[in-house]
PDB file of all heavy atoms in Angstrom:
ATOM      1  N   GLU A   1     -10.717 -24.286  -4.564  1.00  0.00           N
ATOM      2  CA  GLU A   1      -9.975 -23.437  -5.497  1.00  0.00           C
ATOM      3  C   GLU A   1     -10.551 -22.026  -5.518  1.00  0.00           C
ATOM      4  O   GLU A   1      -9.809 -21.041  -5.581  1.00  0.00           O
ATOM      5  CB  GLU A   1     -10.010 -24.038  -6.900  1.00  0.00           C
ATOM      6  CG  GLU A   1      -9.204 -25.324  -7.037  1.00  0.00           C
ATOM      7  CD  GLU A   1      -9.430 -25.993  -8.383  1.00  0.00           C
ATOM      8  OE1 GLU A   1     -10.383 -25.578  -9.093  1.00  0.00           O
ATOM      9  OE2 GLU A   1      -8.670 -26.910  -8.721  1.00  0.00           O
ATOM     10  N   ALA A   2     -11.884 -21.914  -5.471  1.00  0.00           N
ATOM     11  CA  ALA A   2     -12.527 -20.603  -5.470  1.00  0.00           C
ATOM     12  C   ALA A   2     -12.193 -19.829  -4.191  1.00  0.00           C
ATOM     13  O   ALA A   2     -11.940 -18.619  -4.224  1.00  0.00           O
ATOM     14  CB  ALA A   2     -14.043 -20.755  -5.618  1.00  0.00           C
ATOM     15  N   ILE A   3     -12.196 -20.538  -3.063  1.00  0.00           N
ATOM     16  CA  ILE A   3     -11.834 -19.899  -1.795  1.00  0.00           C
ATOM     17  C   ILE A   3     -10.392 -19.388  -1.860  1.00  0.00           C
ATOM     18  O   ILE A   3     -10.089 -18.248  -1.461  1.00  0.00           O
ATOM     19  CB  ILE A   3     -11.978 -20.892  -0.622  1.00  0.00           C
ATOM     20  CG1 ILE A   3     -13.455 -21.075  -0.253  1.00  0.00           C
ATOM     21  CG2 ILE A   3     -11.189 -20.408   0.590  1.00  0.00           C
ATOM     22  CD1 ILE A   3     -14.041 -19.953   0.571  1.00  0.00           C
ATOM     23  N   ASP A   4      -9.479 -20.224  -2.356  1.00  0.00           N
ATOM     24  CA  ASP A   4      -8.071 -19.840  -2.440  1.00  0.00           C
ATOM     25  C   ASP A   4      -7.894 -18.633  -3.370  1.00  0.00           C
ATOM     26  O   ASP A   4      -7.111 -17.716  -3.079  1.00  0.00           O
ATOM     27  CB  ASP A   4      -7.226 -21.006  -2.951  1.00  0.00           C
ATOM     28  CG  ASP A   4      -7.143 -22.141  -1.932  1.00  0.00           C
ATOM     29  OD1 ASP A   4      -7.395 -21.876  -0.740  1.00  0.00           O
ATOM     30  OD2 ASP A   4      -6.847 -23.277  -2.338  1.00  0.00           O
ATOM     31  N   GLN A   5      -8.617 -18.651  -4.478  1.00  0.00           N
ATOM     32  CA  GLN A   5      -8.518 -17.548  -5.426  1.00  0.00           C
ATOM     33  C   GLN A   5      -9.028 -16.250  -4.800  1.00  0.00           C
ATOM     34  O   GLN A   5      -8.412 -15.193  -4.919  1.00  0.00           O
ATOM     35  CB  GLN A   5      -9.328 -17.860  -6.683  1.00  0.00           C
ATOM     36  CG  GLN A   5      -9.319 -16.725  -7.705  1.00  0.00           C
ATOM     37  CD  GLN A   5     -10.279 -16.999  -8.842  1.00  0.00           C
ATOM     38  OE1 GLN A   5     -10.698 -18.129  -9.039  1.00  0.00           O
ATOM     39  NE2 GLN A   5     -10.622 -15.963  -9.589  1.00  0.00           N
ATOM     40  N   SER A   6     -10.171 -16.341  -4.138  1.00  0.00           N
ATOM     41  CA  SER A   6     -10.751 -15.153  -3.512  1.00  0.00           C
ATOM     42  C   SER A   6      -9.852 -14.627  -2.400  1.00  0.00           C
ATOM     43  O   SER A   6      -9.637 -13.413  -2.269  1.00  0.00           O
ATOM     44  CB  SER A   6     -12.134 -15.494  -2.946  1.00  0.00           C
ATOM     45  OG  SER A   6     -12.749 -14.343  -2.391  1.00  0.00           O
ATOM     46  N   LEU A   7      -9.307 -15.519  -1.580  1.00  0.00           N
ATOM     47  CA  LEU A   7      -8.408 -15.112  -0.510  1.00  0.00           C
ATOM     48  C   LEU A   7      -7.166 -14.431  -1.077  1.00  0.00           C
ATOM     49  O   LEU A   7      -6.730 -13.382  -0.583  1.00  0.00           O
ATOM     50  CB  LEU A   7      -8.002 -16.331   0.316  1.00  0.00           C
ATOM     51  CG  LEU A   7      -6.911 -16.115   1.373  1.00  0.00           C
ATOM     52  CD1 LEU A   7      -7.343 -15.066   2.375  1.00  0.00           C
ATOM     53  CD2 LEU A   7      -6.576 -17.431   2.066  1.00  0.00           C
ATOM     54  N   ALA A   8      -6.588 -15.019  -2.123  1.00  0.00           N
ATOM     55  CA  ALA A   8      -5.384 -14.444  -2.720  1.00  0.00           C
ATOM     56  C   ALA A   8      -5.658 -13.050  -3.262  1.00  0.00           C
ATOM     57  O   ALA A   8      -4.849 -12.131  -3.105  1.00  0.00           O
ATOM     58  CB  ALA A   8      -4.861 -15.355  -3.834  1.00  0.00           C
ATOM     59  N   GLU A   9      -6.820 -12.873  -3.901  1.00  0.00           N
ATOM     60  CA  GLU A   9      -7.159 -11.572  -4.468  1.00  0.00           C
ATOM     61  C   GLU A   9      -7.400 -10.539  -3.368  1.00  0.00           C
ATOM     62  O   GLU A   9      -6.976  -9.388  -3.469  1.00  0.00           O
ATOM     63  CB  GLU A   9      -8.401 -11.693  -5.353  1.00  0.00           C
ATOM     64  CG  GLU A   9      -8.745 -10.429  -6.132  1.00  0.00           C
ATOM     65  CD  GLU A   9      -7.666 -10.058  -7.127  1.00  0.00           C
ATOM     66  OE1 GLU A   9      -7.002 -10.963  -7.665  1.00  0.00           O
ATOM     67  OE2 GLU A   9      -7.483  -8.853  -7.362  1.00  0.00           O
ATOM     68  N   SER A  10      -8.073 -10.943  -2.291  1.00  0.00           N
ATOM     69  CA  SER A  10      -8.314 -10.027  -1.172  1.00  0.00           C
ATOM     70  C   SER A  10      -7.008  -9.594  -0.520  1.00  0.00           C
ATOM     71  O   SER A  10      -6.799  -8.402  -0.253  1.00  0.00           O
ATOM     72  CB  SER A  10      -9.209 -10.693  -0.120  1.00  0.00           C
ATOM     73  OG  SER A  10     -10.533 -10.823  -0.574  1.00  0.00           O
ATOM     74  N   VAL A  11      -6.129 -10.557  -0.245  1.00  0.00           N
ATOM     75  CA  VAL A  11      -4.849 -10.242   0.391  1.00  0.00           C
ATOM     76  C   VAL A  11      -3.997  -9.376  -0.532  1.00  0.00           C
ATOM     77  O   VAL A  11      -3.328  -8.431  -0.086  1.00  0.00           O
ATOM     78  CB  VAL A  11      -4.104 -11.532   0.770  1.00  0.00           C
ATOM     79  CG1 VAL A  11      -2.675 -11.225   1.221  1.00  0.00           C
ATOM     80  CG2 VAL A  11      -4.857 -12.266   1.869  1.00  0.00           C
ATOM     81  N   ARG A  12      -4.015  -9.688  -1.826  1.00  0.00           N
ATOM     82  CA  ARG A  12      -3.242  -8.892  -2.790  1.00  0.00           C
ATOM     83  C   ARG A  12      -3.721  -7.448  -2.798  1.00  0.00           C
ATOM     84  O   ARG A  12      -2.918  -6.518  -2.762  1.00  0.00           O
ATOM     85  CB  ARG A  12      -3.375  -9.493  -4.188  1.00  0.00           C
ATOM     86  CG  ARG A  12      -2.503  -8.789  -5.227  1.00  0.00           C
ATOM     87  CD  ARG A  12      -2.730  -9.365  -6.606  1.00  0.00           C
ATOM     88  NE  ARG A  12      -2.438 -10.791  -6.641  1.00  0.00           N
ATOM     89  CZ  ARG A  12      -3.334 -11.742  -6.845  1.00  0.00           C
ATOM     90  NH1 ARG A  12      -4.609 -11.414  -7.030  1.00  0.00           N
ATOM     91  NH2 ARG A  12      -2.974 -13.005  -6.867  1.00  0.00           N
ATOM     92  N   TRP A  13      -5.041  -7.241  -2.836  1.00  0.00           N
ATOM     93  CA  TRP A  13      -5.588  -5.878  -2.839  1.00  0.00           C
ATOM     94  C   TRP A  13      -5.258  -5.169  -1.532  1.00  0.00           C
ATOM     95  O   TRP A  13      -4.859  -3.999  -1.533  1.00  0.00           O
ATOM     96  CB  TRP A  13      -7.105  -5.929  -3.031  1.00  0.00           C
ATOM     97  CG  TRP A  13      -7.726  -4.575  -3.190  1.00  0.00           C
ATOM     98  CD1 TRP A  13      -8.023  -3.941  -4.357  1.00  0.00           C
ATOM     99  CD2 TRP A  13      -8.125  -3.677  -2.137  1.00  0.00           C
ATOM    100  NE1 TRP A  13      -8.570  -2.711  -4.096  1.00  0.00           N
ATOM    101  CE2 TRP A  13      -8.640  -2.518  -2.755  1.00  0.00           C
ATOM    102  CE3 TRP A  13      -8.069  -3.737  -0.752  1.00  0.00           C
ATOM    103  CZ2 TRP A  13      -9.116  -1.436  -2.023  1.00  0.00           C
ATOM    104  CZ3 TRP A  13      -8.532  -2.653  -0.010  1.00  0.00           C
ATOM    105  CH2 TRP A  13      -9.057  -1.523  -0.643  1.00  0.00           C
ATOM    106  N   TYR A  14      -5.432  -5.856  -0.416  1.00  0.00           N
ATOM    107  CA  TYR A  14      -5.182  -5.271   0.904  1.00  0.00           C
ATOM    108  C   TYR A  14      -3.728  -4.820   1.021  1.00  0.00           C
ATOM    109  O   TYR A  14      -3.432  -3.689   1.415  1.00  0.00           O
ATOM    110  CB  TYR A  14      -5.518  -6.320   1.966  1.00  0.00           C
ATOM    111  CG  TYR A  14      -5.569  -5.819   3.395  1.00  0.00           C
ATOM    112  CD1 TYR A  14      -6.790  -5.665   4.043  1.00  0.00           C
ATOM    113  CD2 TYR A  14      -4.413  -5.540   4.098  1.00  0.00           C
ATOM    114  CE1 TYR A  14      -6.854  -5.236   5.362  1.00  0.00           C
ATOM    115  CE2 TYR A  14      -4.458  -5.111   5.422  1.00  0.00           C
ATOM    116  CZ  TYR A  14      -5.679  -4.960   6.046  1.00  0.00           C
ATOM    117  OH  TYR A  14      -5.729  -4.527   7.346  1.00  0.00           O
ATOM    118  N   ASN A  15      -2.794  -5.706   0.660  1.00  0.00           N
ATOM    119  CA  ASN A  15      -1.375  -5.374   0.751  1.00  0.00           C
ATOM    120  C   ASN A  15      -0.994  -4.255  -0.208  1.00  0.00           C
ATOM    121  O   ASN A  15      -0.188  -3.381   0.123  1.00  0.00           O
ATOM    122  CB  ASN A  15      -0.521  -6.612   0.459  1.00  0.00           C
ATOM    123  CG  ASN A  15      -0.353  -7.494   1.674  1.00  0.00           C
ATOM    124  OD1 ASN A  15      -0.410  -7.017   2.797  1.00  0.00           O
ATOM    125  ND2 ASN A  15      -0.157  -8.779   1.450  1.00  0.00           N
ATOM    126  N   ASP A  16      -1.579  -4.280  -1.417  1.00  0.00           N
ATOM    127  CA  ASP A  16      -1.270  -3.242  -2.391  1.00  0.00           C
ATOM    128  C   ASP A  16      -1.693  -1.876  -1.876  1.00  0.00           C
ATOM    129  O   ASP A  16      -0.960  -0.891  -2.008  1.00  0.00           O
ATOM    130  CB  ASP A  16      -1.974  -3.553  -3.716  1.00  0.00           C
ATOM    131  CG  ASP A  16      -1.724  -2.472  -4.756  1.00  0.00           C
ATOM    132  OD1 ASP A  16      -0.566  -2.326  -5.192  1.00  0.00           O
ATOM    133  OD2 ASP A  16      -2.686  -1.764  -5.128  1.00  0.00           O
ATOM    134  N   ARG A  17      -2.882  -1.806  -1.277  1.00  0.00           N
ATOM    135  CA  ARG A  17      -3.360  -0.532  -0.752  1.00  0.00           C
ATOM    136  C   ARG A  17      -2.473  -0.025   0.387  1.00  0.00           C
ATOM    137  O   ARG A  17      -2.153   1.161   0.460  1.00  0.00           O
ATOM    138  CB  ARG A  17      -4.809  -0.675  -0.287  1.00  0.00           C
ATOM    139  CG  ARG A  17      -5.474   0.626   0.155  1.00  0.00           C
ATOM    140  CD  ARG A  17      -5.449   1.670  -0.943  1.00  0.00           C
ATOM    141  NE  ARG A  17      -6.148   1.260  -2.136  1.00  0.00           N
ATOM    142  CZ  ARG A  17      -7.411   1.571  -2.391  1.00  0.00           C
ATOM    143  NH1 ARG A  17      -8.104   2.278  -1.528  1.00  0.00           N
ATOM    144  NH2 ARG A  17      -7.977   1.183  -3.521  1.00  0.00           N
ATOM    145  N   LEU A  18      -2.053  -0.913   1.256  1.00  0.00           N
ATOM    146  CA  LEU A  18      -1.162  -0.518   2.351  1.00  0.00           C
ATOM    147  C   LEU A  18       0.193  -0.056   1.831  1.00  0.00           C
ATOM    148  O   LEU A  18       0.757   0.929   2.316  1.00  0.00           O
ATOM    149  CB  LEU A  18      -0.977  -1.679   3.327  1.00  0.00           C
ATOM    150  CG  LEU A  18      -2.183  -2.050   4.204  1.00  0.00           C
ATOM    151  CD1 LEU A  18      -1.817  -3.208   5.114  1.00  0.00           C
ATOM    152  CD2 LEU A  18      -2.641  -0.862   5.043  1.00  0.00           C
ATOM    153  N   GLU A  19       0.730  -0.769   0.834  1.00  0.00           N
ATOM    154  CA  GLU A  19       2.033  -0.399   0.288  1.00  0.00           C
ATOM    155  C   GLU A  19       1.977   0.949  -0.414  1.00  0.00           C
ATOM    156  O   GLU A  19       2.908   1.754  -0.312  1.00  0.00           O
ATOM    157  CB  GLU A  19       2.517  -1.479  -0.690  1.00  0.00           C
ATOM    158  CG  GLU A  19       2.972  -2.762  -0.020  1.00  0.00           C
ATOM    159  CD  GLU A  19       4.129  -2.525   0.939  1.00  0.00           C
ATOM    160  OE1 GLU A  19       5.009  -1.695   0.622  1.00  0.00           O
ATOM    161  OE2 GLU A  19       4.152  -3.154   2.011  1.00  0.00           O
ATOM    162  N   ARG A  20       0.895   1.205  -1.137  1.00  0.00           N
ATOM    163  CA  ARG A  20       0.755   2.497  -1.810  1.00  0.00           C
ATOM    164  C   ARG A  20       0.683   3.619  -0.797  1.00  0.00           C
ATOM    165  O   ARG A  20       1.318   4.668  -0.958  1.00  0.00           O
ATOM    166  CB  ARG A  20      -0.499   2.488  -2.690  1.00  0.00           C
ATOM    167  CG  ARG A  20      -0.363   1.641  -3.948  1.00  0.00           C
ATOM    168  CD  ARG A  20      -1.696   1.381  -4.592  1.00  0.00           C
ATOM    169  NE  ARG A  20      -2.408   2.610  -4.907  1.00  0.00           N
ATOM    170  CZ  ARG A  20      -3.690   2.653  -5.278  1.00  0.00           C
ATOM    171  NH1 ARG A  20      -4.383   1.531  -5.339  1.00  0.00           N
ATOM    172  NH2 ARG A  20      -4.255   3.791  -5.574  1.00  0.00           N
ATOM    173  N   ALA A  21      -0.091   3.428   0.264  1.00  0.00           N
ATOM    174  CA  ALA A  21      -0.202   4.457   1.299  1.00  0.00           C
ATOM    175  C   ALA A  21       1.144   4.683   1.976  1.00  0.00           C
ATOM    176  O   ALA A  21       1.536   5.821   2.245  1.00  0.00           O
ATOM    177  CB  ALA A  21      -1.259   4.056   2.321  1.00  0.00           C
ATOM    178  N   ARG A  22       1.869   3.592   2.236  1.00  0.00           N
ATOM    179  CA  ARG A  22       3.171   3.712   2.899  1.00  0.00           C
ATOM    180  C   ARG A  22       4.164   4.457   2.004  1.00  0.00           C
ATOM    181  O   ARG A  22       4.922   5.321   2.486  1.00  0.00           O
ATOM    182  CB  ARG A  22       3.701   2.325   3.233  1.00  0.00           C
ATOM    183  CG  ARG A  22       5.001   2.350   4.027  1.00  0.00           C
ATOM    184  CD  ARG A  22       5.485   0.941   4.340  1.00  0.00           C
ATOM    185  NE  ARG A  22       4.565   0.232   5.207  1.00  0.00           N
ATOM    186  CZ  ARG A  22       3.837  -0.810   4.840  1.00  0.00           C
ATOM    187  NH1 ARG A  22       3.925  -1.271   3.598  1.00  0.00           N
ATOM    188  NH2 ARG A  22       3.020  -1.401   5.687  1.00  0.00           N
ATOM    189  N   ALA A  23       4.157   4.151   0.719  1.00  0.00           N
ATOM    190  CA  ALA A  23       5.089   4.804  -0.199  1.00  0.00           C
ATOM    191  C   ALA A  23       4.800   6.301  -0.299  1.00  0.00           C
ATOM    192  O   ALA A  23       5.718   7.132  -0.339  1.00  0.00           O
ATOM    193  CB  ALA A  23       4.989   4.159  -1.587  1.00  0.00           C
ATOM    194  N   ILE A  24       3.521   6.656  -0.328  1.00  0.00           N
ATOM    195  CA  ILE A  24       3.152   8.065  -0.414  1.00  0.00           C
ATOM    196  C   ILE A  24       3.561   8.806   0.851  1.00  0.00           C
ATOM    197  O   ILE A  24       4.084   9.927   0.809  1.00  0.00           O
ATOM    198  CB  ILE A  24       1.644   8.202  -0.674  1.00  0.00           C
ATOM    199  CG1 ILE A  24       1.317   7.731  -2.105  1.00  0.00           C
ATOM    200  CG2 ILE A  24       1.173   9.648  -0.487  1.00  0.00           C
ATOM    201  CD1 ILE A  24      -0.159   7.607  -2.383  1.00  0.00           C
ATOM    202  N   PHE A  25       3.349   8.166   1.993  1.00  0.00           N
ATOM    203  CA  PHE A  25       3.743   8.784   3.257  1.00  0.00           C
ATOM    204  C   PHE A  25       5.247   9.046   3.288  1.00  0.00           C
ATOM    205  O   PHE A  25       5.703  10.125   3.677  1.00  0.00           O
ATOM    206  CB  PHE A  25       3.357   7.868   4.430  1.00  0.00           C
ATOM    207  CG  PHE A  25       2.105   8.293   5.119  1.00  0.00           C
ATOM    208  CD1 PHE A  25       0.882   7.788   4.733  1.00  0.00           C
ATOM    209  CD2 PHE A  25       2.147   9.221   6.140  1.00  0.00           C
ATOM    210  CE1 PHE A  25      -0.280   8.185   5.361  1.00  0.00           C
ATOM    211  CE2 PHE A  25       0.986   9.621   6.780  1.00  0.00           C
ATOM    212  CZ  PHE A  25      -0.234   9.102   6.388  1.00  0.00           C
ATOM    213  N   ILE A  26       6.030   8.043   2.884  1.00  0.00           N
ATOM    214  CA  ILE A  26       7.482   8.193   2.892  1.00  0.00           C
ATOM    215  C   ILE A  26       7.906   9.313   1.949  1.00  0.00           C
ATOM    216  O   ILE A  26       8.782  10.123   2.268  1.00  0.00           O
ATOM    217  CB  ILE A  26       8.162   6.868   2.509  1.00  0.00           C
ATOM    218  CG1 ILE A  26       7.929   5.828   3.609  1.00  0.00           C
ATOM    219  CG2 ILE A  26       9.661   7.068   2.287  1.00  0.00           C
ATOM    220  CD1 ILE A  26       8.412   4.442   3.252  1.00  0.00           C
ATOM    221  N   GLY A  27       7.255   9.372   0.779  1.00  0.00           N
ATOM    222  CA  GLY A  27       7.576  10.424  -0.183  1.00  0.00           C
ATOM    223  C   GLY A  27       7.295  11.813   0.355  1.00  0.00           C
ATOM    224  O   GLY A  27       8.106  12.733   0.217  1.00  0.00           O
ATOM    225  N   ILE A  28       6.136  11.970   0.993  1.00  0.00           N
ATOM    226  CA  ILE A  28       5.772  13.277   1.539  1.00  0.00           C
ATOM    227  C   ILE A  28       6.694  13.654   2.696  1.00  0.00           C
ATOM    228  O   ILE A  28       7.197  14.778   2.780  1.00  0.00           O
ATOM    229  CB  ILE A  28       4.310  13.276   2.008  1.00  0.00           C
ATOM    230  CG1 ILE A  28       3.383  13.199   0.795  1.00  0.00           C
ATOM    231  CG2 ILE A  28       3.998  14.530   2.810  1.00  0.00           C
ATOM    232  CD1 ILE A  28       3.474  14.395  -0.120  1.00  0.00           C
ATOM    233  N   LEU A  29       6.918  12.717   3.605  1.00  0.00           N
ATOM    234  CA  LEU A  29       7.755  13.019   4.761  1.00  0.00           C
ATOM    235  C   LEU A  29       9.192  13.324   4.344  1.00  0.00           C
ATOM    236  O   LEU A  29       9.864  14.154   4.959  1.00  0.00           O
ATOM    237  CB  LEU A  29       7.732  11.836   5.735  1.00  0.00           C
ATOM    238  CG  LEU A  29       6.392  11.578   6.433  1.00  0.00           C
ATOM    239  CD1 LEU A  29       6.469  10.305   7.267  1.00  0.00           C
ATOM    240  CD2 LEU A  29       5.998  12.757   7.311  1.00  0.00           C
ATOM    241  N   GLY A  30       9.657  12.660   3.278  1.00  0.00           N
ATOM    242  CA  GLY A  30      11.031  12.863   2.846  1.00  0.00           C
ATOM    243  C   GLY A  30      11.227  14.060   1.947  1.00  0.00           C
ATOM    244  O   GLY A  30      12.348  14.549   1.800  1.00  0.00           O
ATOM    245  N   HIS A  31      10.156  14.574   1.340  1.00  0.00           N
ATOM    246  CA  HIS A  31      10.310  15.651   0.370  1.00  0.00           C
ATOM    247  C   HIS A  31       9.603  16.928   0.798  1.00  0.00           C
ATOM    248  O   HIS A  31      10.232  17.968   1.010  1.00  0.00           O
ATOM    249  CB  HIS A  31       9.797  15.195  -1.002  1.00  0.00           C
ATOM    250  CG  HIS A  31       9.934  16.243  -2.058  1.00  0.00           C
ATOM    251  ND1 HIS A  31       8.935  17.155  -2.333  1.00  0.00           N
ATOM    252  CD2 HIS A  31      10.955  16.538  -2.899  1.00  0.00           C
ATOM    253  CE1 HIS A  31       9.334  17.965  -3.301  1.00  0.00           C
ATOM    254  NE2 HIS A  31      10.548  17.604  -3.663  1.00  0.00           N
ATOM    255  N   ASP A  32       8.283  16.854   0.972  1.00  0.00           N
ATOM    256  CA  ASP A  32       7.511  18.077   1.202  1.00  0.00           C
ATOM    257  C   ASP A  32       7.755  18.696   2.575  1.00  0.00           C
ATOM    258  O   ASP A  32       7.623  19.906   2.743  1.00  0.00           O
ATOM    259  CB  ASP A  32       6.022  17.791   1.019  1.00  0.00           C
ATOM    260  CG  ASP A  32       5.688  17.460  -0.423  1.00  0.00           C
ATOM    261  OD1 ASP A  32       5.413  18.389  -1.197  1.00  0.00           O
ATOM    262  OD2 ASP A  32       5.731  16.276  -0.768  1.00  0.00           O
ATOM    263  N   LEU A  33       8.098  17.877   3.557  1.00  0.00           N
ATOM    264  CA  LEU A  33       8.350  18.426   4.885  1.00  0.00           C
ATOM    265  C   LEU A  33       9.778  18.958   5.043  1.00  0.00           C
ATOM    266  O   LEU A  33      10.079  19.646   6.017  1.00  0.00           O
ATOM    267  CB  LEU A  33       8.100  17.356   5.956  1.00  0.00           C
ATOM    268  CG  LEU A  33       6.647  16.997   6.248  1.00  0.00           C
ATOM    269  CD1 LEU A  33       6.571  15.860   7.247  1.00  0.00           C
ATOM    270  CD2 LEU A  33       5.893  18.208   6.795  1.00  0.00           C
ATOM    271  N   ARG A  34      10.620  18.658   4.070  1.00  0.00           N
ATOM    272  CA  ARG A  34      12.023  19.029   4.200  1.00  0.00           C
ATOM    273  C   ARG A  34      12.217  20.543   4.239  1.00  0.00           C
ATOM    274  O   ARG A  34      12.975  21.070   5.066  1.00  0.00           O
ATOM    275  CB  ARG A  34      12.811  18.430   3.031  1.00  0.00           C
ATOM    276  CG  ARG A  34      14.306  18.665   3.124  1.00  0.00           C
ATOM    277  CD  ARG A  34      15.009  18.036   1.934  1.00  0.00           C
ATOM    278  NE  ARG A  34      14.735  16.608   1.871  1.00  0.00           N
ATOM    279  CZ  ARG A  34      15.013  15.845   0.821  1.00  0.00           C
ATOM    280  NH1 ARG A  34      15.545  16.381  -0.249  1.00  0.00           N
ATOM    281  NH2 ARG A  34      14.744  14.559   0.840  1.00  0.00           N
ATOM    282  N   THR A  35      11.536  21.268   3.366  1.00  0.00           N
ATOM    283  CA  THR A  35      11.737  22.718   3.287  1.00  0.00           C
ATOM    284  C   THR A  35      11.302  23.450   4.550  1.00  0.00           C
ATOM    285  O   THR A  35      12.102  24.209   5.126  1.00  0.00           O
ATOM    286  CB  THR A  35      11.009  23.282   2.058  1.00  0.00           C
ATOM    287  OG1 THR A  35      11.561  22.682   0.876  1.00  0.00           O
ATOM    288  CG2 THR A  35      11.179  24.794   1.975  1.00  0.00           C
ATOM    289  N   PRO A  36      10.053  23.274   5.031  1.00  0.00           N
ATOM    290  CA  PRO A  36       9.682  23.987   6.262  1.00  0.00           C
ATOM    291  C   PRO A  36      10.501  23.542   7.476  1.00  0.00           C
ATOM    292  O   PRO A  36      10.780  24.344   8.361  1.00  0.00           O
ATOM    293  CB  PRO A  36       8.197  23.659   6.438  1.00  0.00           C
ATOM    294  CG  PRO A  36       7.964  22.424   5.649  1.00  0.00           C
ATOM    295  CD  PRO A  36       8.917  22.509   4.494  1.00  0.00           C
TER     296      PRO A  36
END
């Protein structure tokens, strides 16, 4: 149970960090680069 809990928390953190980075990239590419 401890292994499963630790694995779930690690994967959750890893995926969350990737999703946040991806969302920020999409936002910048879609907005800030539009004007230049």
